[in-house]
Amino acid sequence: MLAVIRYSVPESQSQDFIKQAHVILDTLAGEPGFQRGRLARSVDEPNLWALVSEWEGAGFYRRALSAARMAMYPLMILMVNEPSAFEDVYVSGQEE
């Protein structure tokens, strides 16, 4: 499953945001079911960022969020309030 948490980050806070996002991804990476993660910035709206992670399943992701909540807390005010968990329906390039 894919998890996408978007953030709206003022330019003046972007360097601190990047550092904290690294801490979040490192924390998530230590959790069971984590497959990979990345931090991305919109090419069209530079204040819009996405913390993207892939998981073996939704249960792993939800438990990892609980474990990472202290690392995530400083950035919560910057989060875009929207659903973040997406279940794969089709993945190109993989055998079914």
PDB file of N, CA and C in Angstrom:
ATOM      1  N   MET A   1       0.833  -1.166   0.000  1.00  0.00           N
ATOM      2  CA  MET A   1       0.000   0.000   0.000  1.00  0.00           C
ATOM      3  C   MET A   1       0.881   1.233   0.000  1.00  0.00           C
ATOM      4  N   LEU A   2       0.317   2.317  -0.452  1.00  0.00           N
ATOM      5  CA  LEU A   2       1.033   3.576  -0.597  1.00  0.00           C
ATOM      6  C   LEU A   2       0.469   4.590   0.397  1.00  0.00           C
ATOM      7  N   ALA A   3       1.354   5.289   1.063  1.00  0.00           N
ATOM      8  CA  ALA A   3       0.949   6.347   1.996  1.00  0.00           C
ATOM      9  C   ALA A   3       1.531   7.670   1.509  1.00  0.00           C
ATOM     10  N   VAL A   4       0.676   8.681   1.410  1.00  0.00           N
ATOM     11  CA  VAL A   4       1.106   9.999   0.954  1.00  0.00           C
ATOM     12  C   VAL A   4       0.603  11.022   1.966  1.00  0.00           C
ATOM     13  N   ILE A   5       1.536  11.672   2.636  1.00  0.00           N
ATOM     14  CA  ILE A   5       1.181  12.758   3.558  1.00  0.00           C
ATOM     15  C   ILE A   5       1.720  14.038   2.937  1.00  0.00           C
ATOM     16  N   ARG A   6       0.803  14.962   2.634  1.00  0.00           N
ATOM     17  CA  ARG A   6       1.233  16.215   2.016  1.00  0.00           C
ATOM     18  C   ARG A   6       1.331  17.315   3.066  1.00  0.00           C
ATOM     19  N   TYR A   7       2.273  18.216   2.806  1.00  0.00           N
ATOM     20  CA  TYR A   7       2.531  19.336   3.717  1.00  0.00           C
ATOM     21  C   TYR A   7       2.574  20.630   2.916  1.00  0.00           C
ATOM     22  N   SER A   8       2.063  21.685   3.502  1.00  0.00           N
ATOM     23  CA  SER A   8       2.195  23.032   2.949  1.00  0.00           C
ATOM     24  C   SER A   8       3.214  23.761   3.819  1.00  0.00           C
ATOM     25  N   VAL A   9       4.396  24.029   3.237  1.00  0.00           N
ATOM     26  CA  VAL A   9       5.540  24.512   4.009  1.00  0.00           C
ATOM     27  C   VAL A   9       6.004  25.878   3.486  1.00  0.00           C
ATOM     28  N   PRO A  10       5.920  26.916   4.305  1.00  0.00           N
ATOM     29  CA  PRO A  10       6.473  28.208   3.878  1.00  0.00           C
ATOM     30  C   PRO A  10       7.964  28.076   3.583  1.00  0.00           C
ATOM     31  N   GLU A  11       8.422  28.791   2.586  1.00  0.00           N
ATOM     32  CA  GLU A  11       9.835  28.713   2.181  1.00  0.00           C
ATOM     33  C   GLU A  11      10.778  28.937   3.362  1.00  0.00           C
ATOM     34  N   SER A  12      10.404  29.844   4.253  1.00  0.00           N
ATOM     35  CA  SER A  12      11.265  30.152   5.401  1.00  0.00           C
ATOM     36  C   SER A  12      11.442  28.966   6.349  1.00  0.00           C
ATOM     37  N   GLN A  13      10.569  27.976   6.255  1.00  0.00           N
ATOM     38  CA  GLN A  13      10.642  26.809   7.138  1.00  0.00           C
ATOM     39  C   GLN A  13      11.144  25.547   6.426  1.00  0.00           C
ATOM     40  N   SER A  14      11.473  25.667   5.138  1.00  0.00           N
ATOM     41  CA  SER A  14      11.756  24.462   4.352  1.00  0.00           C
ATOM     42  C   SER A  14      12.984  23.686   4.842  1.00  0.00           C
ATOM     43  N   GLN A  15      14.042  24.353   5.258  1.00  0.00           N
ATOM     44  CA  GLN A  15      15.233  23.631   5.716  1.00  0.00           C
ATOM     45  C   GLN A  15      14.964  22.840   6.994  1.00  0.00           C
ATOM     46  N   ASP A  16      14.255  23.448   7.937  1.00  0.00           N
ATOM     47  CA  ASP A  16      13.886  22.728   9.160  1.00  0.00           C
ATOM     48  C   ASP A  16      12.930  21.587   8.839  1.00  0.00           C
ATOM     49  N   PHE A  17      12.012  21.829   7.904  1.00  0.00           N
ATOM     50  CA  PHE A  17      11.070  20.790   7.492  1.00  0.00           C
ATOM     51  C   PHE A  17      11.815  19.581   6.928  1.00  0.00           C
ATOM     52  N   ILE A  18      12.780  19.824   6.062  1.00  0.00           N
ATOM     53  CA  ILE A  18      13.543  18.726   5.448  1.00  0.00           C
ATOM     54  C   ILE A  18      14.238  17.888   6.523  1.00  0.00           C
ATOM     55  N   LYS A  19      14.856  18.533   7.489  1.00  0.00           N
ATOM     56  CA  LYS A  19      15.532  17.808   8.572  1.00  0.00           C
ATOM     57  C   LYS A  19      14.553  16.945   9.355  1.00  0.00           C
ATOM     58  N   GLN A  20      13.394  17.515   9.704  1.00  0.00           N
ATOM     59  CA  GLN A  20      12.408  16.757  10.474  1.00  0.00           C
ATOM     60  C   GLN A  20      11.799  15.628   9.636  1.00  0.00           C
ATOM     61  N   ALA A  21      11.605  15.866   8.350  1.00  0.00           N
ATOM     62  CA  ALA A  21      11.077  14.819   7.467  1.00  0.00           C
ATOM     63  C   ALA A  21      12.045  13.646   7.388  1.00  0.00           C
ATOM     64  N   HIS A  22      13.348  13.919   7.399  1.00  0.00           N
ATOM     65  CA  HIS A  22      14.344  12.834   7.416  1.00  0.00           C
ATOM     66  C   HIS A  22      14.190  11.997   8.683  1.00  0.00           C
ATOM     67  N   VAL A  23      13.963  12.659   9.816  1.00  0.00           N
ATOM     68  CA  VAL A  23      13.764  11.950  11.085  1.00  0.00           C
ATOM     69  C   VAL A  23      12.518  11.066  10.992  1.00  0.00           C
ATOM     70  N   ILE A  24      11.449  11.599  10.423  1.00  0.00           N
ATOM     71  CA  ILE A  24      10.208  10.823  10.278  1.00  0.00           C
ATOM     72  C   ILE A  24      10.455   9.600   9.401  1.00  0.00           C
ATOM     73  N   LEU A  25      11.069   9.798   8.236  1.00  0.00           N
ATOM     74  CA  LEU A  25      11.310   8.664   7.342  1.00  0.00           C
ATOM     75  C   LEU A  25      12.231   7.628   7.979  1.00  0.00           C
ATOM     76  N   ASP A  26      13.250   8.078   8.692  1.00  0.00           N
ATOM     77  CA  ASP A  26      14.134   7.131   9.374  1.00  0.00           C
ATOM     78  C   ASP A  26      13.384   6.351  10.448  1.00  0.00           C
ATOM     79  N   THR A  27      12.474   7.013  11.147  1.00  0.00           N
ATOM     80  CA  THR A  27      11.666   6.339  12.167  1.00  0.00           C
ATOM     81  C   THR A  27      10.748   5.316  11.519  1.00  0.00           C
ATOM     82  N   LEU A  28      10.068   5.709  10.441  1.00  0.00           N
ATOM     83  CA  LEU A  28       9.170   4.788   9.740  1.00  0.00           C
ATOM     84  C   LEU A  28       9.943   3.598   9.171  1.00  0.00           C
ATOM     85  N   ALA A  29      11.153   3.859   8.669  1.00  0.00           N
ATOM     86  CA  ALA A  29      11.965   2.794   8.066  1.00  0.00           C
ATOM     87  C   ALA A  29      12.309   1.695   9.060  1.00  0.00           C
ATOM     88  N   GLY A  30      12.314   2.014  10.333  1.00  0.00           N
ATOM     89  CA  GLY A  30      12.611   1.022  11.358  1.00  0.00           C
ATOM     90  C   GLY A  30      11.415   0.185  11.776  1.00  0.00           C
ATOM     91  N   GLU A  31      10.261   0.462  11.185  1.00  0.00           N
ATOM     92  CA  GLU A  31       9.037  -0.249  11.571  1.00  0.00           C
ATOM     93  C   GLU A  31       8.774  -1.450  10.672  1.00  0.00           C
ATOM     94  N   PRO A  32       8.167  -2.509  11.233  1.00  0.00           N
ATOM     95  CA  PRO A  32       7.820  -3.691  10.436  1.00  0.00           C
ATOM     96  C   PRO A  32       6.890  -3.314   9.283  1.00  0.00           C
ATOM     97  N   GLY A  33       7.099  -3.942   8.142  1.00  0.00           N
ATOM     98  CA  GLY A  33       6.234  -3.738   6.982  1.00  0.00           C
ATOM     99  C   GLY A  33       6.647  -2.595   6.076  1.00  0.00           C
ATOM    100  N   PHE A  34       7.618  -1.777   6.508  1.00  0.00           N
ATOM    101  CA  PHE A  34       8.091  -0.657   5.693  1.00  0.00           C
ATOM    102  C   PHE A  34       8.857  -1.205   4.493  1.00  0.00           C
ATOM    103  N   GLN A  35       8.576  -0.664   3.311  1.00  0.00           N
ATOM    104  CA  GLN A  35       9.293  -1.095   2.115  1.00  0.00           C
ATOM    105  C   GLN A  35      10.226  -0.011   1.577  1.00  0.00           C
ATOM    106  N   ARG A  36       9.732   1.200   1.463  1.00  0.00           N
ATOM    107  CA  ARG A  36      10.576   2.320   1.011  1.00  0.00           C
ATOM    108  C   ARG A  36       9.849   3.627   1.272  1.00  0.00           C
ATOM    109  N   GLY A  37      10.631   4.710   1.296  1.00  0.00           N
ATOM    110  CA  GLY A  37      10.036   6.017   1.520  1.00  0.00           C
ATOM    111  C   GLY A  37      10.841   7.104   0.851  1.00  0.00           C
ATOM    112  N   ARG A  38      10.200   8.237   0.635  1.00  0.00           N
ATOM    113  CA  ARG A  38      10.888   9.371   0.024  1.00  0.00           C
ATOM    114  C   ARG A  38      10.180  10.668   0.369  1.00  0.00           C
ATOM    115  N   LEU A  39      10.925  11.741   0.260  1.00  0.00           N
ATOM    116  CA  LEU A  39      10.395  13.083   0.438  1.00  0.00           C
ATOM    117  C   LEU A  39      10.443  13.759  -0.918  1.00  0.00           C
ATOM    118  N   ALA A  40       9.340  14.366  -1.331  1.00  0.00           N
ATOM    119  CA  ALA A  40       9.266  15.005  -2.644  1.00  0.00           C
ATOM    120  C   ALA A  40       8.683  16.408  -2.518  1.00  0.00           C
ATOM    121  N   ARG A  41       9.090  17.256  -3.459  1.00  0.00           N
ATOM    122  CA  ARG A  41       8.607  18.635  -3.484  1.00  0.00           C
ATOM    123  C   ARG A  41       7.937  18.886  -4.830  1.00  0.00           C
ATOM    124  N   SER A  42       6.802  19.558  -4.817  1.00  0.00           N
ATOM    125  CA  SER A  42       6.087  19.854  -6.049  1.00  0.00           C
ATOM    126  C   SER A  42       6.908  20.762  -6.956  1.00  0.00           C
ATOM    127  N   VAL A  43       6.961  20.422  -8.231  1.00  0.00           N
ATOM    128  CA  VAL A  43       7.672  21.269  -9.186  1.00  0.00           C
ATOM    129  C   VAL A  43       6.824  22.478  -9.582  1.00  0.00           C
ATOM    130  N   ASP A  44       5.516  22.397  -9.373  1.00  0.00           N
ATOM    131  CA  ASP A  44       4.620  23.489  -9.737  1.00  0.00           C
ATOM    132  C   ASP A  44       4.308  24.428  -8.582  1.00  0.00           C
ATOM    133  N   GLU A  45       4.271  23.882  -7.376  1.00  0.00           N
ATOM    134  CA  GLU A  45       3.997  24.667  -6.166  1.00  0.00           C
ATOM    135  C   GLU A  45       5.078  24.339  -5.137  1.00  0.00           C
ATOM    136  N   PRO A  46       6.162  25.113  -5.093  1.00  0.00           N
ATOM    137  CA  PRO A  46       7.307  24.760  -4.247  1.00  0.00           C
ATOM    138  C   PRO A  46       7.018  24.686  -2.748  1.00  0.00           C
ATOM    139  N   ASN A  47       5.894  25.207  -2.307  1.00  0.00           N
ATOM    140  CA  ASN A  47       5.541  25.105  -0.887  1.00  0.00           C
ATOM    141  C   ASN A  47       4.826  23.794  -0.562  1.00  0.00           C
ATOM    142  N   LEU A  48       4.511  23.007  -1.587  1.00  0.00           N
ATOM    143  CA  LEU A  48       3.796  21.744  -1.387  1.00  0.00           C
ATOM    144  C   LEU A  48       4.782  20.583  -1.433  1.00  0.00           C
ATOM    145  N   TRP A  49       4.821  19.821  -0.349  1.00  0.00           N
ATOM    146  CA  TRP A  49       5.730  18.683  -0.193  1.00  0.00           C
ATOM    147  C   TRP A  49       4.917  17.411   0.029  1.00  0.00           C
ATOM    148  N   ALA A  50       5.516  16.261  -0.250  1.00  0.00           N
ATOM    149  CA  ALA A  50       4.878  14.972   0.011  1.00  0.00           C
ATOM    150  C   ALA A  50       5.884  14.018   0.653  1.00  0.00           C
ATOM    151  N   LEU A  51       5.468  13.402   1.730  1.00  0.00           N
ATOM    152  CA  LEU A  51       6.233  12.340   2.367  1.00  0.00           C
ATOM    153  C   LEU A  51       5.539  11.051   1.937  1.00  0.00           C
ATOM    154  N   VAL A  52       6.214  10.260   1.125  1.00  0.00           N
ATOM    155  CA  VAL A  52       5.619   9.083   0.496  1.00  0.00           C
ATOM    156  C   VAL A  52       6.304   7.838   1.036  1.00  0.00           C
ATOM    157  N   SER A  53       5.497   6.860   1.425  1.00  0.00           N
ATOM    158  CA  SER A  53       6.066   5.597   1.893  1.00  0.00           C
ATOM    159  C   SER A  53       5.238   4.436   1.360  1.00  0.00           C
ATOM    160  N   GLU A  54       5.888   3.290   1.236  1.00  0.00           N
ATOM    161  CA  GLU A  54       5.226   2.078   0.769  1.00  0.00           C
ATOM    162  C   GLU A  54       5.323   1.024   1.855  1.00  0.00           C
ATOM    163  N   TRP A  55       4.229   0.269   2.004  1.00  0.00           N
ATOM    164  CA  TRP A  55       4.083  -0.681   3.107  1.00  0.00           C
ATOM    165  C   TRP A  55       3.548  -2.004   2.617  1.00  0.00           C
ATOM    166  N   GLU A  56       3.791  -3.046   3.389  1.00  0.00           N
ATOM    167  CA  GLU A  56       3.250  -4.372   3.079  1.00  0.00           C
ATOM    168  C   GLU A  56       1.728  -4.392   3.223  1.00  0.00           C
ATOM    169  N   GLY A  57       1.169  -3.524   4.018  1.00  0.00           N
ATOM    170  CA  GLY A  57      -0.276  -3.457   4.203  1.00  0.00           C
ATOM    171  C   GLY A  57      -0.672  -2.295   5.093  1.00  0.00           C
ATOM    172  N   ALA A  58      -1.963  -2.000   5.110  1.00  0.00           N
ATOM    173  CA  ALA A  58      -2.476  -0.857   5.876  1.00  0.00           C
ATOM    174  C   ALA A  58      -2.234  -1.002   7.374  1.00  0.00           C
ATOM    175  N   GLY A  59      -2.330  -2.210   7.891  1.00  0.00           N
ATOM    176  CA  GLY A  59      -2.105  -2.430   9.322  1.00  0.00           C
ATOM    177  C   GLY A  59      -0.701  -2.033   9.744  1.00  0.00           C
ATOM    178  N   PHE A  60       0.292  -2.386   8.916  1.00  0.00           N
ATOM    179  CA  PHE A  60       1.673  -1.995   9.210  1.00  0.00           C
ATOM    180  C   PHE A  60       1.799  -0.472   9.238  1.00  0.00           C
ATOM    181  N   TYR A  61       1.193   0.188   8.248  1.00  0.00           N
ATOM    182  CA  TYR A  61       1.263   1.649   8.166  1.00  0.00           C
ATOM    183  C   TYR A  61       0.624   2.299   9.383  1.00  0.00           C
ATOM    184  N   ARG A  62      -0.543   1.841   9.759  1.00  0.00           N
ATOM    185  CA  ARG A  62      -1.245   2.459  10.892  1.00  0.00           C
ATOM    186  C   ARG A  62      -0.474   2.266  12.205  1.00  0.00           C
ATOM    187  N   ARG A  63       0.094   1.084  12.397  1.00  0.00           N
ATOM    188  CA  ARG A  63       0.897   0.861  13.604  1.00  0.00           C
ATOM    189  C   ARG A  63       2.159   1.725  13.583  1.00  0.00           C
ATOM    190  N   ALA A  64       2.757   1.886  12.410  1.00  0.00           N
ATOM    191  CA  ALA A  64       3.963   2.716  12.293  1.00  0.00           C
ATOM    192  C   ALA A  64       3.654   4.172  12.603  1.00  0.00           C
ATOM    193  N   LEU A  65       2.476   4.649  12.213  1.00  0.00           N
ATOM    194  CA  LEU A  65       2.095   6.027  12.535  1.00  0.00           C
ATOM    195  C   LEU A  65       2.058   6.239  14.041  1.00  0.00           C
ATOM    196  N   SER A  66       1.553   5.260  14.753  1.00  0.00           N
ATOM    197  CA  SER A  66       1.532   5.365  16.214  1.00  0.00           C
ATOM    198  C   SER A  66       2.949   5.436  16.765  1.00  0.00           C
ATOM    199  N   ALA A  67       3.839   4.611  16.232  1.00  0.00           N
ATOM    200  CA  ALA A  67       5.217   4.589  16.705  1.00  0.00           C
ATOM    201  C   ALA A  67       5.964   5.878  16.356  1.00  0.00           C
ATOM    202  N   ALA A  68       5.574   6.532  15.246  1.00  0.00           N
ATOM    203  CA  ALA A  68       6.290   7.720  14.774  1.00  0.00           C
ATOM    204  C   ALA A  68       5.622   9.029  15.185  1.00  0.00           C
ATOM    205  N   ARG A  69       4.574   8.958  15.973  1.00  0.00           N
ATOM    206  CA  ARG A  69       3.802  10.186  16.247  1.00  0.00           C
ATOM    207  C   ARG A  69       4.629  11.283  16.911  1.00  0.00           C
ATOM    208  N   MET A  70       5.580  10.940  17.754  1.00  0.00           N
ATOM    209  CA  MET A  70       6.400  11.974  18.394  1.00  0.00           C
ATOM    210  C   MET A  70       7.310  12.659  17.365  1.00  0.00           C
ATOM    211  N   ALA A  71       7.837  11.888  16.417  1.00  0.00           N
ATOM    212  CA  ALA A  71       8.663  12.476  15.359  1.00  0.00           C
ATOM    213  C   ALA A  71       7.815  13.337  14.422  1.00  0.00           C
ATOM    214  N   MET A  72       6.553  12.945  14.225  1.00  0.00           N
ATOM    215  CA  MET A  72       5.673  13.657  13.306  1.00  0.00           C
ATOM    216  C   MET A  72       5.036  14.897  13.931  1.00  0.00           C
ATOM    217  N   TYR A  73       4.956  14.924  15.230  1.00  0.00           N
ATOM    218  CA  TYR A  73       4.244  15.993  15.929  1.00  0.00           C
ATOM    219  C   TYR A  73       4.679  17.408  15.529  1.00  0.00           C
ATOM    220  N   PRO A  74       5.983  17.716  15.435  1.00  0.00           N
ATOM    221  CA  PRO A  74       6.384  19.088  15.106  1.00  0.00           C
ATOM    222  C   PRO A  74       5.874  19.575  13.745  1.00  0.00           C
ATOM    223  N   LEU A  75       5.560  18.662  12.834  1.00  0.00           N
ATOM    224  CA  LEU A  75       5.125  19.059  11.493  1.00  0.00           C
ATOM    225  C   LEU A  75       3.620  18.984  11.299  1.00  0.00           C
ATOM    226  N   MET A  76       2.886  18.571  12.308  1.00  0.00           N
ATOM    227  CA  MET A  76       1.440  18.387  12.145  1.00  0.00           C
ATOM    228  C   MET A  76       0.714  19.654  11.702  1.00  0.00           C
ATOM    229  N   ILE A  77       1.158  20.795  12.151  1.00  0.00           N
ATOM    230  CA  ILE A  77       0.502  22.045  11.777  1.00  0.00           C
ATOM    231  C   ILE A  77       0.651  22.330  10.279  1.00  0.00           C
ATOM    232  N   LEU A  78       1.649  21.721   9.643  1.00  0.00           N
ATOM    233  CA  LEU A  78       1.895  21.932   8.218  1.00  0.00           C
ATOM    234  C   LEU A  78       1.210  20.901   7.328  1.00  0.00           C
ATOM    235  N   MET A  79       0.628  19.854   7.934  1.00  0.00           N
ATOM    236  CA  MET A  79      -0.008  18.782   7.163  1.00  0.00           C
ATOM    237  C   MET A  79      -1.262  19.281   6.448  1.00  0.00           C
ATOM    238  N   VAL A  80      -1.453  18.783   5.235  1.00  0.00           N
ATOM    239  CA  VAL A  80      -2.696  19.008   4.506  1.00  0.00           C
ATOM    240  C   VAL A  80      -3.661  17.929   4.986  1.00  0.00           C
ATOM    241  N   ASN A  81      -4.823  18.340   5.500  1.00  0.00           N
ATOM    242  CA  ASN A  81      -5.784  17.405   6.076  1.00  0.00           C
ATOM    243  C   ASN A  81      -6.553  16.684   4.965  1.00  0.00           C
ATOM    244  N   GLU A  82      -6.122  15.457   4.671  1.00  0.00           N
ATOM    245  CA  GLU A  82      -6.752  14.641   3.638  1.00  0.00           C
ATOM    246  C   GLU A  82      -6.362  13.183   3.880  1.00  0.00           C
ATOM    247  N   PRO A  83      -7.085  12.236   3.301  1.00  0.00           N
ATOM    248  CA  PRO A  83      -6.715  10.829   3.462  1.00  0.00           C
ATOM    249  C   PRO A  83      -5.291  10.589   2.970  1.00  0.00           C
ATOM    250  N   SER A  84      -4.594   9.669   3.639  1.00  0.00           N
ATOM    251  CA  SER A  84      -3.192   9.436   3.278  1.00  0.00           C
ATOM    252  C   SER A  84      -2.891   8.002   2.843  1.00  0.00           C
ATOM    253  N   ALA A  85      -3.771   7.065   3.097  1.00  0.00           N
ATOM    254  CA  ALA A  85      -3.499   5.658   2.800  1.00  0.00           C
ATOM    255  C   ALA A  85      -4.226   5.234   1.525  1.00  0.00           C
ATOM    256  N   PHE A  86      -3.465   4.632   0.602  1.00  0.00           N
ATOM    257  CA  PHE A  86      -4.006   4.201  -0.679  1.00  0.00           C
ATOM    258  C   PHE A  86      -3.630   2.747  -0.925  1.00  0.00           C
ATOM    259  N   GLU A  87      -4.625   1.947  -1.273  1.00  0.00           N
ATOM    260  CA  GLU A  87      -4.395   0.542  -1.559  1.00  0.00           C
ATOM    261  C   GLU A  87      -4.111   0.364  -3.049  1.00  0.00           C
ATOM    262  N   ASP A  88      -3.086  -0.405  -3.378  1.00  0.00           N
ATOM    263  CA  ASP A  88      -2.776  -0.664  -4.781  1.00  0.00           C
ATOM    264  C   ASP A  88      -3.929  -1.374  -5.466  1.00  0.00           C
ATOM    265  N   VAL A  89      -4.270  -0.898  -6.650  1.00  0.00           N
ATOM    266  CA  VAL A  89      -5.269  -1.535  -7.491  1.00  0.00           C
ATOM    267  C   VAL A  89      -4.577  -2.171  -8.690  1.00  0.00           C
ATOM    268  N   TYR A  90      -3.569  -1.485  -9.192  1.00  0.00           N
ATOM    269  CA  TYR A  90      -2.785  -1.991 -10.320  1.00  0.00           C
ATOM    270  C   TYR A  90      -1.382  -1.387 -10.228  1.00  0.00           C
ATOM    271  N   VAL A  91      -0.362  -2.215 -10.428  1.00  0.00           N
ATOM    272  CA  VAL A  91       1.020  -1.753 -10.425  1.00  0.00           C
ATOM    273  C   VAL A  91       1.644  -2.216 -11.739  1.00  0.00           C
ATOM    274  N   SER A  92       2.044  -1.295 -12.567  1.00  0.00           N
ATOM    275  CA  SER A  92       2.645  -1.603 -13.858  1.00  0.00           C
ATOM    276  C   SER A  92       4.038  -2.202 -13.670  1.00  0.00           C
ATOM    277  N   GLY A  93       4.373  -3.187 -14.501  1.00  0.00           N
ATOM    278  CA  GLY A  93       5.708  -3.757 -14.442  1.00  0.00           C
ATOM    279  C   GLY A  93       5.896  -4.876 -13.451  1.00  0.00           C
ATOM    280  N   GLN A  94       4.832  -5.258 -12.752  1.00  0.00           N
ATOM    281  CA  GLN A  94       4.931  -6.364 -11.800  1.00  0.00           C
ATOM    282  C   GLN A  94       4.010  -7.476 -12.232  1.00  0.00           C
ATOM    283  N   GLU A  95       4.454  -8.712 -12.009  1.00  0.00           N
ATOM    284  CA  GLU A  95       3.604  -9.864 -12.326  1.00  0.00           C
ATOM    285  C   GLU A  95       2.437  -9.907 -11.377  1.00  0.00           C
ATOM    286  N   GLU A  96       1.315 -10.321 -11.882  1.00  0.00           N
ATOM    287  CA  GLU A  96       0.106 -10.400 -11.038  1.00  0.00           C
ATOM    288  C   GLU A  96      -0.126 -11.812 -10.559  1.00  0.00           C
TER     289      GLU A  96
END
